[in-house]
């Protein structure tokens, strides 16, 4: 990536009740700015198919409005409830289809990989991820009350770091190594 070239990344945390998203603007190796952070509230739709339609339409609107270069999406993880996982997979697929309908490339990341990229710890809590994102983006308050939005933002930042080869270069395999190797990201 050219140091002067701006890239826009849309990150999505798919959900069947709440879908979180975050959009960042990136320039060079260290310059990341928050563009927008939000959620798609889906609880108001009683029918699962109406939820999927709402996801598709809103993700298309986000793509049309912000023109992302890439979409980073959190992969569903296997839980105990197979039906929940199937519904989550559908939500993810519909979000992906909405971006693909606008020819935006999709990049999928496992939840542990996203947490590792942001905090240096694959088992970090949602609160720890949100706190690290505040530090990375140099903001005190995201203006949202749900961690689903910051999870979507984390997917976008993870993708940026993967493109920059920050964490995946093997230099940070523990929290202390991460702090040592990334003093500009941790205060």
Protein backbone atom coordinates (compact mmCIF):
# COMPACT_ATOMS: atom_id res chain seq x y z
CA UNK A 1 0.00 0.00 0.00
CA UNK A 2 1.34 3.42 -0.93
CA UNK A 3 1.94 5.72 2.03
CA UNK A 4 -0.22 8.40 0.43
CA UNK A 5 -3.01 6.17 -0.81
CA UNK A 6 -6.13 6.27 1.34
CA UNK A 7 -7.98 3.01 1.88
CA UNK A 8 -11.40 2.63 3.39
CA UNK A 9 -12.18 -0.60 5.27
CA UNK A 10 -15.64 -1.67 6.43
CA UNK A 11 -15.56 -4.12 9.32
CA UNK A 12 -18.61 -6.20 10.19
CA UNK A 13 -19.52 -8.27 13.23
CA UNK A 14 -22.50 -10.25 11.94
CA UNK A 15 -25.41 -10.95 14.23
CA UNK A 16 -29.03 -11.95 14.06
CA UNK A 17 -30.22 -9.47 16.68
CA UNK A 18 -27.53 -6.79 16.36
CA UNK A 19 -25.00 -6.42 13.56
CA UNK A 20 -22.04 -4.20 14.42
CA UNK A 21 -19.97 -2.27 11.92
CA UNK A 22 -17.07 0.12 11.86
CA UNK A 23 -15.44 1.98 9.00
CA UNK A 24 -11.86 3.23 9.08
CA UNK A 25 -9.74 5.33 6.76
CA UNK A 26 -6.11 4.26 6.49
CA UNK A 27 -3.08 6.08 5.12
CA UNK A 28 0.43 4.74 5.26
CA UNK A 29 1.58 2.29 7.89
CA UNK A 30 0.25 3.86 11.11
CA UNK A 31 -2.44 6.37 10.19
CA UNK A 32 -5.89 4.97 11.02
CA UNK A 33 -8.91 7.22 11.49
CA UNK A 34 -12.40 6.25 12.56
CA UNK A 35 -14.97 7.20 9.93
CA UNK A 36 -18.15 5.78 11.44
CA UNK A 37 -19.24 3.21 13.99
CA UNK A 38 -22.69 1.77 14.45
CA UNK A 39 -25.12 -1.09 14.63
CA UNK A 40 -28.01 -2.48 12.67
CA UNK A 41 -30.74 -3.21 15.21
CA UNK A 42 -32.57 -6.37 14.10
CA UNK A 43 -34.63 -7.31 17.17
CA UNK A 44 -37.59 -5.32 15.87
CA UNK A 45 -38.02 -7.76 12.98
CA UNK A 46 -39.96 -10.81 14.07
CA UNK A 47 -39.20 -12.85 10.99
CA UNK A 48 -35.64 -14.11 10.38
CA UNK A 49 -35.95 -13.45 6.64
CA UNK A 50 -36.87 -9.82 7.24
CA UNK A 51 -33.73 -9.53 9.37
CA UNK A 52 -31.67 -10.87 6.47
CA UNK A 53 -33.29 -8.39 4.10
CA UNK A 54 -32.51 -5.52 6.50
CA UNK A 55 -28.87 -6.62 6.76
CA UNK A 56 -28.52 -6.82 2.99
CA UNK A 57 -30.07 -3.39 2.39
CA UNK A 58 -28.15 -1.59 5.16
CA UNK A 59 -24.78 -3.09 4.20
CA UNK A 60 -25.40 -2.03 0.60
CA UNK A 61 -26.20 1.49 1.85
CA UNK A 62 -22.95 1.58 3.84
CA UNK A 63 -20.98 0.42 0.81
CA UNK A 64 -22.67 2.97 -1.46
CA UNK A 65 -22.14 5.80 1.02
CA UNK A 66 -18.56 5.14 2.16
CA UNK A 67 -17.13 3.26 -0.85
CA UNK A 68 -14.90 0.84 1.06
CA UNK A 69 -11.95 -0.78 -0.70
CA UNK A 70 -12.33 -3.94 1.41
CA UNK A 71 -14.81 -5.54 3.78
CA UNK A 72 -13.46 -7.43 6.79
CA UNK A 73 -15.98 -9.71 8.45
CA UNK A 74 -15.82 -11.82 11.56
CA UNK A 75 -16.27 -15.52 10.83
CA UNK A 76 -18.95 -17.35 12.78
CA UNK A 77 -17.62 -19.56 15.55
CA UNK A 78 -19.03 -22.93 16.47
CA UNK A 79 -21.12 -22.80 19.60
CA UNK A 80 -23.30 -25.37 21.29
CA UNK A 81 -26.46 -24.35 19.45
CA UNK A 82 -26.36 -25.44 15.80
CA UNK A 83 -29.50 -23.45 14.91
CA UNK A 84 -27.92 -20.23 16.23
CA UNK A 85 -24.80 -20.89 14.19
CA UNK A 86 -26.84 -21.47 11.05
CA UNK A 87 -28.69 -18.18 11.56
CA UNK A 88 -25.43 -16.37 12.21
CA UNK A 89 -23.93 -17.89 9.06
CA UNK A 90 -26.90 -16.65 7.06
CA UNK A 91 -26.45 -13.14 8.47
CA UNK A 92 -22.77 -13.23 7.56
CA UNK A 93 -23.54 -14.55 4.07
CA UNK A 94 -26.12 -11.85 3.39
CA UNK A 95 -23.69 -9.13 4.53
CA UNK A 96 -21.02 -10.62 2.27
CA UNK A 97 -23.43 -10.82 -0.68
CA UNK A 98 -24.38 -7.16 -0.22
CA UNK A 99 -20.72 -6.09 -0.46
CA UNK A 100 -19.99 -8.49 -3.30
CA UNK A 101 -22.96 -7.09 -5.24
CA UNK A 102 -20.95 -3.85 -5.32
CA UNK A 103 -17.71 -5.70 -6.22
CA UNK A 104 -16.04 -5.04 -2.86
CA UNK A 105 -13.56 -7.78 -1.85
CA UNK A 106 -14.33 -9.73 1.33
CA UNK A 107 -11.79 -10.84 3.94
CA UNK A 108 -12.87 -13.17 6.73
CA UNK A 109 -11.18 -13.40 10.13
CA UNK A 110 -11.72 -15.76 13.03
CA UNK A 111 -12.73 -14.05 16.29
CA UNK A 112 -9.48 -15.12 18.00
CA UNK A 113 -7.40 -13.69 15.14
CA UNK A 114 -9.20 -10.35 15.45
CA UNK A 115 -8.69 -10.25 19.22
CA UNK A 116 -5.02 -11.19 18.79
CA UNK A 117 -4.50 -8.41 16.23
CA UNK A 118 -6.07 -5.79 18.48
CA UNK A 119 -4.92 -6.82 21.96
CA UNK A 120 -2.18 -9.37 21.43
CA UNK A 121 -4.37 -11.89 23.28
CA UNK A 122 -6.67 -14.30 21.40
CA UNK A 123 -8.93 -14.76 24.42
CA UNK A 124 -9.40 -11.06 25.19
CA UNK A 125 -12.83 -9.88 26.32
CA UNK A 126 -15.02 -7.58 24.24
CA UNK A 127 -14.31 -4.84 26.77
CA UNK A 128 -10.54 -5.28 26.38
CA UNK A 129 -10.89 -5.09 22.59
CA UNK A 130 -12.96 -1.89 22.87
CA UNK A 131 -10.43 -0.33 25.26
CA UNK A 132 -7.52 -1.14 22.95
CA UNK A 133 -9.41 0.29 19.98
CA UNK A 134 -9.91 3.53 21.91
CA UNK A 135 -6.17 3.64 22.47
CA UNK A 136 -5.29 2.76 18.85
CA UNK A 137 -7.71 5.34 17.44
CA UNK A 138 -6.89 7.90 20.16
CA UNK A 139 -10.47 8.46 21.24
CA UNK A 140 -12.04 8.50 24.69
CA UNK A 141 -15.59 7.62 23.69
CA UNK A 142 -16.99 5.89 20.63
CA UNK A 143 -20.48 7.25 21.27
CA UNK A 144 -22.08 3.80 21.14
CA UNK A 145 -23.22 1.67 24.03
CA UNK A 146 -22.92 -1.75 22.40
CA UNK A 147 -19.79 -3.82 22.00
CA UNK A 148 -21.13 -5.23 18.72
CA UNK A 149 -20.12 -1.97 17.03
CA UNK A 150 -16.59 -2.11 18.40
CA UNK A 151 -16.36 -5.77 17.34
CA UNK A 152 -17.13 -4.68 13.77
CA UNK A 153 -14.53 -1.94 14.09
CA UNK A 154 -12.03 -4.52 15.38
CA UNK A 155 -12.49 -6.58 12.21
CA UNK A 156 -11.62 -3.52 10.10
CA UNK A 157 -8.53 -2.68 12.17
CA UNK A 158 -7.46 -6.34 12.14
CA UNK A 159 -7.66 -6.31 8.34
CA UNK A 160 -5.56 -3.15 8.19
CA UNK A 161 -2.91 -4.77 10.40
CA UNK A 162 -2.96 -7.94 8.32
CA UNK A 163 -2.36 -5.84 5.23
CA UNK A 164 0.52 -4.13 7.03
CA UNK A 165 1.75 -7.46 8.46
CA UNK A 166 1.84 -5.98 11.98
CA UNK A 167 0.96 -8.86 14.23
CA UNK A 168 1.14 -11.80 11.83
CA UNK A 169 4.89 -11.34 11.41
CA UNK A 170 5.50 -13.44 14.51
CA UNK A 171 6.95 -10.61 16.60
CA UNK A 172 4.03 -10.50 19.04
CA UNK A 173 3.05 -13.88 20.42
CA UNK A 174 2.25 -12.56 23.89
CA UNK A 175 0.83 -9.41 25.43
CA UNK A 176 4.23 -8.32 26.73
CA UNK A 177 5.84 -8.88 23.30
CA UNK A 178 2.99 -6.96 21.69
CA UNK A 179 3.49 -3.99 24.04
CA UNK A 180 7.25 -4.06 23.50
CA UNK A 181 6.96 -4.25 19.71
CA UNK A 182 4.15 -1.70 19.41
CA UNK A 183 4.89 1.19 21.80
CA UNK A 184 3.01 3.60 19.54
CA UNK A 185 -0.18 1.52 19.89
CA UNK A 186 -0.14 1.08 23.67
CA UNK A 187 0.00 3.82 26.27
